[in-house]
C-alpha cells in the first residue's frame, strides 16, 4: 500500500504536494454532447477547495509518523548493509525493499488482528 509522503527530505511538510493533491481532488471531468460531437473538459470546482485542503492536510499529518518511521528503518538497514559490505545501491535495494515489505506485512497483520478482535 502506497502512503503519500507530502514530506520534504528533511521531514517538513511539502506544501506544494499538499496543494497539488487538493487541486486534483477539486478537478473533475465534464462531458457534453452537442451536434454529434463529444467534448470532455476538466472543470475546477472551487467550492470543494476548502474541504479538499483540509483533507490533504489531515492525510499529511496522519501519514507523517509512518513515513518518518519508514525512512528511519530504511536508513538503519542501509547502514547495517554498508557495514556488512553491500556498497553498491543496486545490490542493496532488494534488501531495502524486502525489509519494507516485511514491515508492511506486519502492519497489515496487526490491523487484521485488531479488526477480528473487534468483530468478536
N, C-alpha and C. Protein backbone atom coordinates (compact mmCIF):
# COMPACT_ATOMS: atom_id res chain seq x y z
N UNK A 1 0.84 -1.16 0.00
CA UNK A 1 0.00 0.00 0.00
C UNK A 1 0.89 1.23 0.00
N UNK A 2 0.66 2.14 -0.92
CA UNK A 2 1.46 3.35 -1.01
C UNK A 2 0.91 4.41 -0.06
N UNK A 3 1.81 5.01 0.68
CA UNK A 3 1.44 6.08 1.60
C UNK A 3 1.97 7.39 1.04
N UNK A 4 1.09 8.34 0.71
CA UNK A 4 1.61 9.61 0.22
C UNK A 4 2.41 10.31 1.30
N UNK A 5 3.60 10.76 0.95
CA UNK A 5 4.50 11.31 1.95
C UNK A 5 4.16 12.76 2.28
N UNK A 6 4.01 13.60 1.28
CA UNK A 6 3.81 15.03 1.48
C UNK A 6 4.90 15.63 2.34
N UNK A 7 6.09 15.02 2.33
CA UNK A 7 7.18 15.50 3.17
C UNK A 7 8.41 15.79 2.33
N UNK A 8 9.18 16.77 2.77
CA UNK A 8 10.47 17.05 2.15
C UNK A 8 11.46 16.03 2.71
N UNK A 9 12.65 15.93 2.12
CA UNK A 9 13.65 15.01 2.66
C UNK A 9 14.04 15.30 4.12
N UNK A 10 13.84 16.54 4.57
CA UNK A 10 14.17 16.88 5.96
C UNK A 10 13.03 16.59 6.92
N UNK A 11 11.89 16.15 6.43
CA UNK A 11 10.76 15.79 7.29
C UNK A 11 9.73 16.88 7.47
N UNK A 12 9.90 18.01 6.80
CA UNK A 12 8.92 19.09 6.87
C UNK A 12 7.78 18.81 5.89
N UNK A 13 6.62 19.40 6.14
CA UNK A 13 5.50 19.24 5.22
C UNK A 13 5.81 19.93 3.90
N UNK A 14 5.51 19.26 2.79
CA UNK A 14 5.72 19.83 1.46
C UNK A 14 4.40 20.47 1.02
N UNK A 15 4.31 21.78 1.19
CA UNK A 15 3.06 22.49 0.90
C UNK A 15 2.67 22.38 -0.57
N UNK A 16 3.66 22.30 -1.46
CA UNK A 16 3.36 22.17 -2.88
C UNK A 16 2.65 20.87 -3.19
N UNK A 17 3.12 19.77 -2.60
CA UNK A 17 2.46 18.48 -2.82
C UNK A 17 1.06 18.47 -2.22
N UNK A 18 0.91 19.09 -1.06
CA UNK A 18 -0.41 19.13 -0.41
C UNK A 18 -1.39 19.92 -1.27
N UNK A 19 -0.94 21.06 -1.79
CA UNK A 19 -1.81 21.89 -2.64
C UNK A 19 -2.14 21.15 -3.94
N UNK A 20 -1.15 20.46 -4.52
CA UNK A 20 -1.39 19.70 -5.75
C UNK A 20 -2.44 18.63 -5.52
N UNK A 21 -2.37 17.94 -4.38
CA UNK A 21 -3.35 16.91 -4.05
C UNK A 21 -4.75 17.53 -3.91
N UNK A 22 -4.83 18.68 -3.23
CA UNK A 22 -6.13 19.33 -3.04
C UNK A 22 -6.72 19.78 -4.37
N UNK A 23 -5.90 20.34 -5.23
CA UNK A 23 -6.38 20.79 -6.54
C UNK A 23 -6.85 19.60 -7.38
N UNK A 24 -6.10 18.50 -7.32
CA UNK A 24 -6.51 17.31 -8.06
C UNK A 24 -7.85 16.78 -7.55
N UNK A 25 -8.07 16.87 -6.23
CA UNK A 25 -9.34 16.42 -5.68
C UNK A 25 -10.51 17.31 -6.09
N UNK A 26 -10.22 18.56 -6.43
CA UNK A 26 -11.28 19.51 -6.83
C UNK A 26 -11.52 19.50 -8.34
N UNK A 27 -10.72 18.78 -9.07
CA UNK A 27 -10.84 18.76 -10.53
C UNK A 27 -11.64 17.53 -10.94
N UNK A 28 -12.60 17.74 -11.81
CA UNK A 28 -13.39 16.61 -12.32
C UNK A 28 -13.55 16.77 -13.83
N UNK A 29 -13.92 15.68 -14.46
CA UNK A 29 -14.16 15.72 -15.90
C UNK A 29 -15.63 16.01 -16.16
N UNK A 30 -15.88 16.85 -17.13
CA UNK A 30 -17.25 17.18 -17.52
C UNK A 30 -17.37 16.91 -19.02
N UNK A 31 -18.39 16.17 -19.38
CA UNK A 31 -18.57 15.87 -20.80
C UNK A 31 -19.88 16.48 -21.30
N UNK A 32 -19.87 16.82 -22.56
CA UNK A 32 -21.09 17.34 -23.19
C UNK A 32 -21.16 16.78 -24.61
N UNK A 33 -22.37 16.59 -25.07
CA UNK A 33 -22.60 16.04 -26.40
C UNK A 33 -23.48 17.02 -27.15
N UNK A 34 -22.93 17.59 -28.22
CA UNK A 34 -23.69 18.59 -28.97
C UNK A 34 -23.36 18.44 -30.45
N UNK A 35 -24.38 18.37 -31.27
CA UNK A 35 -24.22 18.26 -32.73
C UNK A 35 -23.32 17.09 -33.14
N UNK A 36 -23.47 15.98 -32.44
CA UNK A 36 -22.70 14.79 -32.79
C UNK A 36 -21.26 14.82 -32.34
N UNK A 37 -20.89 15.78 -31.51
CA UNK A 37 -19.51 15.90 -31.03
C UNK A 37 -19.49 15.75 -29.51
N UNK A 38 -18.68 14.84 -29.05
CA UNK A 38 -18.50 14.64 -27.62
C UNK A 38 -17.31 15.47 -27.17
N UNK A 39 -17.53 16.33 -26.20
CA UNK A 39 -16.47 17.18 -25.67
C UNK A 39 -16.25 16.84 -24.21
N UNK A 40 -15.01 16.62 -23.84
CA UNK A 40 -14.66 16.34 -22.45
C UNK A 40 -13.66 17.39 -22.01
N UNK A 41 -13.94 18.01 -20.87
CA UNK A 41 -13.00 19.01 -20.36
C UNK A 41 -12.88 18.87 -18.85
N UNK A 42 -11.77 19.38 -18.33
CA UNK A 42 -11.55 19.37 -16.89
C UNK A 42 -12.17 20.63 -16.30
N UNK A 43 -12.88 20.44 -15.20
CA UNK A 43 -13.54 21.55 -14.53
C UNK A 43 -13.04 21.62 -13.09
N UNK A 44 -12.64 22.81 -12.68
CA UNK A 44 -12.18 23.02 -11.31
C UNK A 44 -13.35 23.49 -10.47
N UNK A 45 -13.68 22.76 -9.42
CA UNK A 45 -14.80 23.08 -8.55
C UNK A 45 -14.27 23.83 -7.33
N UNK A 46 -14.34 25.15 -7.38
CA UNK A 46 -13.76 25.99 -6.32
C UNK A 46 -14.46 25.77 -4.98
N UNK A 47 -15.73 25.41 -4.99
CA UNK A 47 -16.46 25.24 -3.74
C UNK A 47 -15.93 24.07 -2.91
N UNK A 48 -15.24 23.15 -3.53
CA UNK A 48 -14.69 21.99 -2.83
C UNK A 48 -13.26 22.21 -2.35
N UNK A 49 -12.65 23.34 -2.68
CA UNK A 49 -11.23 23.55 -2.37
C UNK A 49 -10.95 23.55 -0.87
N UNK A 50 -11.76 24.22 -0.09
CA UNK A 50 -11.50 24.28 1.36
C UNK A 50 -11.54 22.89 1.99
N UNK A 51 -12.55 22.10 1.65
CA UNK A 51 -12.62 20.76 2.23
C UNK A 51 -11.51 19.87 1.69
N UNK A 52 -11.13 20.05 0.43
CA UNK A 52 -10.04 19.25 -0.13
C UNK A 52 -8.71 19.59 0.54
N UNK A 53 -8.49 20.87 0.83
CA UNK A 53 -7.27 21.26 1.56
C UNK A 53 -7.25 20.68 2.96
N UNK A 54 -8.38 20.73 3.65
CA UNK A 54 -8.44 20.12 4.99
C UNK A 54 -8.15 18.63 4.91
N UNK A 55 -8.71 17.97 3.91
CA UNK A 55 -8.49 16.53 3.75
C UNK A 55 -7.02 16.24 3.45
N UNK A 56 -6.40 17.01 2.57
CA UNK A 56 -4.99 16.78 2.22
C UNK A 56 -4.09 17.01 3.42
N UNK A 57 -4.36 18.06 4.22
CA UNK A 57 -3.55 18.30 5.42
C UNK A 57 -3.74 17.19 6.44
N UNK A 58 -4.96 16.71 6.60
CA UNK A 58 -5.21 15.61 7.54
C UNK A 58 -4.47 14.36 7.09
N UNK A 59 -4.48 14.09 5.80
CA UNK A 59 -3.76 12.94 5.27
C UNK A 59 -2.26 13.09 5.51
N UNK A 60 -1.73 14.28 5.31
CA UNK A 60 -0.31 14.52 5.53
C UNK A 60 0.05 14.31 7.00
N UNK A 61 -0.76 14.84 7.91
CA UNK A 61 -0.48 14.67 9.34
C UNK A 61 -0.58 13.21 9.75
N UNK A 62 -1.57 12.51 9.23
CA UNK A 62 -1.76 11.11 9.59
C UNK A 62 -0.61 10.23 9.09
N UNK A 63 -0.10 10.53 7.91
CA UNK A 63 0.93 9.68 7.32
C UNK A 63 2.34 10.08 7.71
N UNK A 64 2.52 11.25 8.33
CA UNK A 64 3.87 11.76 8.62
C UNK A 64 4.65 10.79 9.51
N UNK A 65 4.04 10.33 10.58
CA UNK A 65 4.74 9.45 11.51
C UNK A 65 5.15 8.15 10.83
N UNK A 66 4.27 7.59 10.01
CA UNK A 66 4.59 6.34 9.34
C UNK A 66 5.70 6.52 8.33
N UNK A 67 5.66 7.62 7.58
CA UNK A 67 6.70 7.87 6.57
C UNK A 67 8.05 8.09 7.24
N UNK A 68 8.07 8.87 8.33
CA UNK A 68 9.34 9.10 9.03
C UNK A 68 9.88 7.80 9.63
N UNK A 69 8.99 6.94 10.14
CA UNK A 69 9.44 5.65 10.67
C UNK A 69 10.00 4.77 9.56
N UNK A 70 9.34 4.77 8.40
CA UNK A 70 9.85 4.00 7.26
C UNK A 70 11.22 4.50 6.83
N UNK A 71 11.39 5.83 6.80
CA UNK A 71 12.69 6.40 6.40
C UNK A 71 13.78 6.02 7.41
N UNK A 72 13.44 6.06 8.70
CA UNK A 72 14.42 5.69 9.73
C UNK A 72 14.79 4.21 9.62
N UNK A 73 13.80 3.37 9.35
CA UNK A 73 14.08 1.93 9.19
C UNK A 73 14.95 1.69 7.97
N UNK A 74 14.66 2.40 6.87
CA UNK A 74 15.49 2.27 5.67
C UNK A 74 16.92 2.72 5.95
N UNK A 75 17.07 3.83 6.67
CA UNK A 75 18.42 4.33 6.97
C UNK A 75 19.18 3.34 7.83
N UNK A 76 18.51 2.75 8.82
CA UNK A 76 19.17 1.77 9.68
C UNK A 76 19.58 0.54 8.88
N UNK A 77 18.71 0.09 7.98
CA UNK A 77 19.03 -1.07 7.16
C UNK A 77 20.18 -0.77 6.21
N UNK A 78 20.19 0.42 5.63
CA UNK A 78 21.27 0.79 4.72
C UNK A 78 22.60 0.86 5.47
N UNK A 79 22.56 1.42 6.68
CA UNK A 79 23.79 1.49 7.48
C UNK A 79 24.29 0.10 7.84
N UNK A 80 23.39 -0.79 8.23
CA UNK A 80 23.76 -2.16 8.57
C UNK A 80 24.34 -2.88 7.35
N UNK A 81 23.69 -2.71 6.20
CA UNK A 81 24.16 -3.36 4.98
C UNK A 81 25.52 -2.81 4.56
N UNK A 82 25.74 -1.52 4.78
CA UNK A 82 27.04 -0.93 4.43
C UNK A 82 28.14 -1.54 5.29
N UNK A 83 27.84 -1.78 6.55
CA UNK A 83 28.83 -2.41 7.44
C UNK A 83 29.12 -3.83 6.98
N UNK A 84 28.09 -4.51 6.48
CA UNK A 84 28.26 -5.89 6.02
C UNK A 84 28.95 -5.98 4.66
N UNK A 85 29.17 -4.85 4.01
CA UNK A 85 29.91 -4.87 2.76
C UNK A 85 29.09 -4.63 1.51
N UNK A 86 27.80 -4.36 1.65
CA UNK A 86 26.99 -4.03 0.48
C UNK A 86 27.23 -2.56 0.15
N UNK A 87 28.05 -2.31 -0.84
CA UNK A 87 28.43 -0.93 -1.11
C UNK A 87 27.67 -0.33 -2.29
N UNK A 88 27.22 -1.13 -3.22
CA UNK A 88 26.53 -0.57 -4.38
C UNK A 88 25.02 -0.54 -4.12
N UNK A 89 24.40 0.49 -4.61
CA UNK A 89 22.97 0.67 -4.41
C UNK A 89 22.18 -0.46 -5.05
N UNK A 90 22.61 -0.92 -6.21
CA UNK A 90 21.89 -1.99 -6.92
C UNK A 90 21.85 -3.27 -6.09
N UNK A 91 22.92 -3.54 -5.35
CA UNK A 91 22.94 -4.74 -4.52
C UNK A 91 22.17 -4.54 -3.23
N UNK A 92 22.07 -3.30 -2.80
CA UNK A 92 21.42 -3.01 -1.53
C UNK A 92 19.91 -2.87 -1.65
N UNK A 93 19.41 -2.36 -2.75
CA UNK A 93 17.99 -2.04 -2.88
C UNK A 93 17.06 -3.24 -2.68
N UNK A 94 17.37 -4.43 -3.18
CA UNK A 94 16.47 -5.56 -2.92
C UNK A 94 16.28 -5.83 -1.42
N UNK A 95 17.33 -5.63 -0.63
CA UNK A 95 17.20 -5.83 0.82
C UNK A 95 16.31 -4.76 1.44
N UNK A 96 16.45 -3.53 0.98
CA UNK A 96 15.61 -2.45 1.50
C UNK A 96 14.14 -2.73 1.16
N UNK A 97 13.88 -3.13 -0.08
CA UNK A 97 12.50 -3.41 -0.48
C UNK A 97 11.92 -4.60 0.29
N UNK A 98 12.73 -5.62 0.51
CA UNK A 98 12.26 -6.77 1.29
C UNK A 98 11.95 -6.37 2.73
N UNK A 99 12.78 -5.51 3.29
CA UNK A 99 12.56 -5.02 4.65
C UNK A 99 11.27 -4.21 4.72
N UNK A 100 11.04 -3.35 3.74
CA UNK A 100 9.80 -2.57 3.70
C UNK A 100 8.59 -3.48 3.59
N UNK A 101 8.68 -4.51 2.75
CA UNK A 101 7.57 -5.44 2.58
C UNK A 101 7.27 -6.17 3.89
N UNK A 102 8.30 -6.54 4.63
CA UNK A 102 8.10 -7.22 5.91
C UNK A 102 7.41 -6.30 6.91
N UNK A 103 7.81 -5.03 6.93
CA UNK A 103 7.18 -4.06 7.83
C UNK A 103 5.71 -3.90 7.47
N UNK A 104 5.41 -3.75 6.19
CA UNK A 104 4.02 -3.57 5.75
C UNK A 104 3.18 -4.80 6.08
N UNK A 105 3.75 -6.00 5.89
CA UNK A 105 3.02 -7.22 6.19
C UNK A 105 2.69 -7.29 7.69
N UNK A 106 3.64 -6.89 8.53
CA UNK A 106 3.40 -6.90 9.97
C UNK A 106 2.32 -5.88 10.34
N UNK A 107 2.34 -4.71 9.70
CA UNK A 107 1.32 -3.70 9.98
C UNK A 107 -0.06 -4.20 9.56
N UNK A 108 -0.16 -4.82 8.40
CA UNK A 108 -1.45 -5.34 7.93
C UNK A 108 -1.94 -6.47 8.83
N UNK A 109 -1.03 -7.34 9.27
CA UNK A 109 -1.42 -8.44 10.15
C UNK A 109 -1.96 -7.91 11.48
N UNK A 110 -1.32 -6.87 12.02
CA UNK A 110 -1.81 -6.31 13.29
C UNK A 110 -3.17 -5.65 13.10
N UNK A 111 -3.38 -4.98 11.96
CA UNK A 111 -4.69 -4.38 11.68
C UNK A 111 -5.76 -5.45 11.55
N UNK A 112 -5.41 -6.56 10.85
CA UNK A 112 -6.37 -7.65 10.71
C UNK A 112 -6.73 -8.25 12.07
N UNK A 113 -5.73 -8.41 12.93
CA UNK A 113 -5.98 -8.97 14.25
C UNK A 113 -6.88 -8.05 15.07
N UNK A 114 -6.63 -6.74 15.00
CA UNK A 114 -7.48 -5.78 15.71
C UNK A 114 -8.91 -5.82 15.17
N UNK A 115 -9.05 -5.93 13.85
CA UNK A 115 -10.38 -5.97 13.24
C UNK A 115 -11.13 -7.23 13.68
N UNK A 116 -10.45 -8.38 13.67
CA UNK A 116 -11.10 -9.62 14.08
C UNK A 116 -11.47 -9.59 15.56
N UNK A 117 -10.60 -9.00 16.38
CA UNK A 117 -10.91 -8.91 17.81
C UNK A 117 -12.11 -8.00 18.04
N UNK A 118 -12.20 -6.92 17.29
CA UNK A 118 -13.33 -6.01 17.43
C UNK A 118 -14.63 -6.64 16.92
N UNK A 119 -14.52 -7.51 15.92
CA UNK A 119 -15.70 -8.14 15.34
C UNK A 119 -16.30 -9.20 16.25
N UNK A 120 -15.49 -9.77 17.14
CA UNK A 120 -15.98 -10.84 18.02
C UNK A 120 -16.75 -10.35 19.19
